[in-house]
């Protein structure tokens, strides 16, 4: 596996854990975090003009990963593969 992919995996898990702590401690509500991630996804979508659909999905994936991880907060260890699979199952399908 490409080392950059492993670095991205670690970064996403760290960010997911941080967002969970922010919500659990009441520093930011889950709604605030969801709103911020929605803003990030809208910005990513606006930036993606001229890119292939695969590249657009690559830009959106980290944002959707964090959103999905936030929805599954339960204090258990974060499972990258399970969260990524959940993102894949729930992503919007492109109509051809």
C-alpha atoms as a PDB file:
ATOM      1  CA  UNK A   1       0.000   0.000   0.000  1.00  0.00           C
ATOM      2  CA  UNK A   2       1.153   3.513  -0.748  1.00  0.00           C
ATOM      3  CA  UNK A   3       2.612   5.215   2.351  1.00  0.00           C
ATOM      4  CA  UNK A   4       0.565   8.348   1.651  1.00  0.00           C
ATOM      5  CA  UNK A   5      -2.620   6.265   1.928  1.00  0.00           C
ATOM      6  CA  UNK A   6      -1.525   5.004   5.331  1.00  0.00           C
ATOM      7  CA  UNK A   7      -0.746   8.550   6.436  1.00  0.00           C
ATOM      8  CA  UNK A   8      -4.206   9.665   5.299  1.00  0.00           C
ATOM      9  CA  UNK A   9      -5.765   6.768   7.201  1.00  0.00           C
ATOM     10  CA  UNK A  10      -3.974   7.802  10.400  1.00  0.00           C
ATOM     11  CA  UNK A  11      -4.865  11.458   9.906  1.00  0.00           C
ATOM     12  CA  UNK A  12      -8.545  10.679   9.408  1.00  0.00           C
ATOM     13  CA  UNK A  13      -8.664   8.452  12.474  1.00  0.00           C
ATOM     14  CA  UNK A  14      -6.997  11.194  14.544  1.00  0.00           C
ATOM     15  CA  UNK A  15      -9.429  13.837  13.298  1.00  0.00           C
ATOM     16  CA  UNK A  16     -12.384  11.535  13.906  1.00  0.00           C
ATOM     17  CA  UNK A  17     -11.219  10.942  17.490  1.00  0.00           C
ATOM     18  CA  UNK A  18     -10.778  14.686  18.031  1.00  0.00           C
ATOM     19  CA  UNK A  19     -14.256  15.494  16.730  1.00  0.00           C
ATOM     20  CA  UNK A  20     -15.686  12.821  19.024  1.00  0.00           C
ATOM     21  CA  UNK A  21     -13.946  14.400  22.051  1.00  0.00           C
ATOM     22  CA  UNK A  22     -15.125  17.889  21.068  1.00  0.00           C
ATOM     23  CA  UNK A  23     -18.714  16.644  20.919  1.00  0.00           C
ATOM     24  CA  UNK A  24     -18.490  14.502  24.072  1.00  0.00           C
ATOM     25  CA  UNK A  25     -17.085  17.389  26.137  1.00  0.00           C
ATOM     26  CA  UNK A  26     -19.705  19.781  24.780  1.00  0.00           C
ATOM     27  CA  UNK A  27     -17.129  22.074  23.199  1.00  0.00           C
ATOM     28  CA  UNK A  28     -18.894  21.725  19.866  1.00  0.00           C
ATOM     29  CA  UNK A  29     -22.225  20.021  19.408  1.00  0.00           C
ATOM     30  CA  UNK A  30     -22.678  17.203  16.935  1.00  0.00           C
ATOM     31  CA  UNK A  31     -24.876  19.624  14.983  1.00  0.00           C
ATOM     32  CA  UNK A  32     -22.056  22.209  14.875  1.00  0.00           C
ATOM     33  CA  UNK A  33     -19.610  19.592  13.652  1.00  0.00           C
ATOM     34  CA  UNK A  34     -22.069  18.286  11.057  1.00  0.00           C
ATOM     35  CA  UNK A  35     -22.683  21.851   9.869  1.00  0.00           C
ATOM     36  CA  UNK A  36     -18.932  22.499   9.566  1.00  0.00           C
ATOM     37  CA  UNK A  37     -18.440  19.280   7.597  1.00  0.00           C
ATOM     38  CA  UNK A  38     -21.343  20.229   5.333  1.00  0.00           C
ATOM     39  CA  UNK A  39     -19.678  23.584   4.694  1.00  0.00           C
ATOM     40  CA  UNK A  40     -16.422  21.791   3.861  1.00  0.00           C
ATOM     41  CA  UNK A  41     -18.204  19.440   1.460  1.00  0.00           C
ATOM     42  CA  UNK A  42     -19.938  22.325  -0.300  1.00  0.00           C
ATOM     43  CA  UNK A  43     -16.558  24.040  -0.674  1.00  0.00           C
ATOM     44  CA  UNK A  44     -15.011  20.853  -2.023  1.00  0.00           C
ATOM     45  CA  UNK A  45     -17.846  20.470  -4.515  1.00  0.00           C
ATOM     46  CA  UNK A  46     -17.445  24.064  -5.698  1.00  0.00           C
ATOM     47  CA  UNK A  47     -13.708  23.539  -6.214  1.00  0.00           C
ATOM     48  CA  UNK A  48     -14.166  20.338  -8.169  1.00  0.00           C
ATOM     49  CA  UNK A  49     -15.318  21.765 -11.497  1.00  0.00           C
ATOM     50  CA  UNK A  50     -13.425  20.242 -14.389  1.00  0.00           C
ATOM     51  CA  UNK A  51     -12.417  17.154 -12.405  1.00  0.00           C
ATOM     52  CA  UNK A  52     -13.461  13.594 -13.104  1.00  0.00           C
ATOM     53  CA  UNK A  53     -16.163  12.093 -10.898  1.00  0.00           C
ATOM     54  CA  UNK A  54     -13.546   9.817  -9.304  1.00  0.00           C
ATOM     55  CA  UNK A  55     -11.441  12.867  -8.364  1.00  0.00           C
ATOM     56  CA  UNK A  56     -14.505  14.649  -6.980  1.00  0.00           C
ATOM     57  CA  UNK A  57     -15.263  11.612  -4.819  1.00  0.00           C
ATOM     58  CA  UNK A  58     -11.633  11.529  -3.661  1.00  0.00           C
ATOM     59  CA  UNK A  59     -11.933  15.136  -2.479  1.00  0.00           C
ATOM     60  CA  UNK A  60     -15.225  14.445  -0.696  1.00  0.00           C
ATOM     61  CA  UNK A  61     -14.142  11.176   0.956  1.00  0.00           C
ATOM     62  CA  UNK A  62     -12.282  12.612   3.996  1.00  0.00           C
ATOM     63  CA  UNK A  63     -15.201  14.922   4.789  1.00  0.00           C
ATOM     64  CA  UNK A  64     -17.729  12.106   4.479  1.00  0.00           C
ATOM     65  CA  UNK A  65     -15.466   9.845   6.543  1.00  0.00           C
ATOM     66  CA  UNK A  66     -15.457  12.335   9.421  1.00  0.00           C
ATOM     67  CA  UNK A  67     -19.215  12.828   9.169  1.00  0.00           C
ATOM     68  CA  UNK A  68     -19.815   9.071   9.215  1.00  0.00           C
ATOM     69  CA  UNK A  69     -17.423   8.582  12.155  1.00  0.00           C
ATOM     70  CA  UNK A  70     -19.219  11.333  14.079  1.00  0.00           C
ATOM     71  CA  UNK A  71     -22.557   9.584  13.562  1.00  0.00           C
ATOM     72  CA  UNK A  72     -21.135   6.370  15.009  1.00  0.00           C
ATOM     73  CA  UNK A  73     -19.817   7.834  18.259  1.00  0.00           C
ATOM     74  CA  UNK A  74     -19.981   5.247  20.985  1.00  0.00           C
ATOM     75  CA  UNK A  75     -16.587   5.463  22.686  1.00  0.00           C
ATOM     76  CA  UNK A  76     -15.325   2.296  20.994  1.00  0.00           C
ATOM     77  CA  UNK A  77     -12.073   2.172  19.049  1.00  0.00           C
ATOM     78  CA  UNK A  78     -12.433   3.665  15.582  1.00  0.00           C
ATOM     79  CA  UNK A  79     -12.343   1.108  12.786  1.00  0.00           C
ATOM     80  CA  UNK A  80     -11.113   2.706   9.563  1.00  0.00           C
ATOM     81  CA  UNK A  81     -12.313  -0.120   7.315  1.00  0.00           C
ATOM     82  CA  UNK A  82     -15.808  -0.130   8.816  1.00  0.00           C
ATOM     83  CA  UNK A  83     -16.174   3.650   8.588  1.00  0.00           C
ATOM     84  CA  UNK A  84     -14.833   3.730   5.015  1.00  0.00           C
ATOM     85  CA  UNK A  85     -17.225   0.926   4.032  1.00  0.00           C
ATOM     86  CA  UNK A  86     -20.088   2.920   5.533  1.00  0.00           C
ATOM     87  CA  UNK A  87     -19.084   5.950   3.491  1.00  0.00           C
ATOM     88  CA  UNK A  88     -19.045   3.788   0.374  1.00  0.00           C
ATOM     89  CA  UNK A  89     -22.510   2.400   1.111  1.00  0.00           C
ATOM     90  CA  UNK A  90     -24.059   5.817   1.697  1.00  0.00           C
ATOM     91  CA  UNK A  91     -22.383   7.962  -0.945  1.00  0.00           C
ATOM     92  CA  UNK A  92     -24.553   9.543  -3.547  1.00  0.00           C
ATOM     93  CA  UNK A  93     -24.687   7.546  -6.756  1.00  0.00           C
ATOM     94  CA  UNK A  94     -23.974   9.355 -10.005  1.00  0.00           C
ATOM     95  CA  UNK A  95     -26.711   8.968 -12.570  1.00  0.00           C
ATOM     96  CA  UNK A  96     -25.331   8.123 -15.991  1.00  0.00           C
END
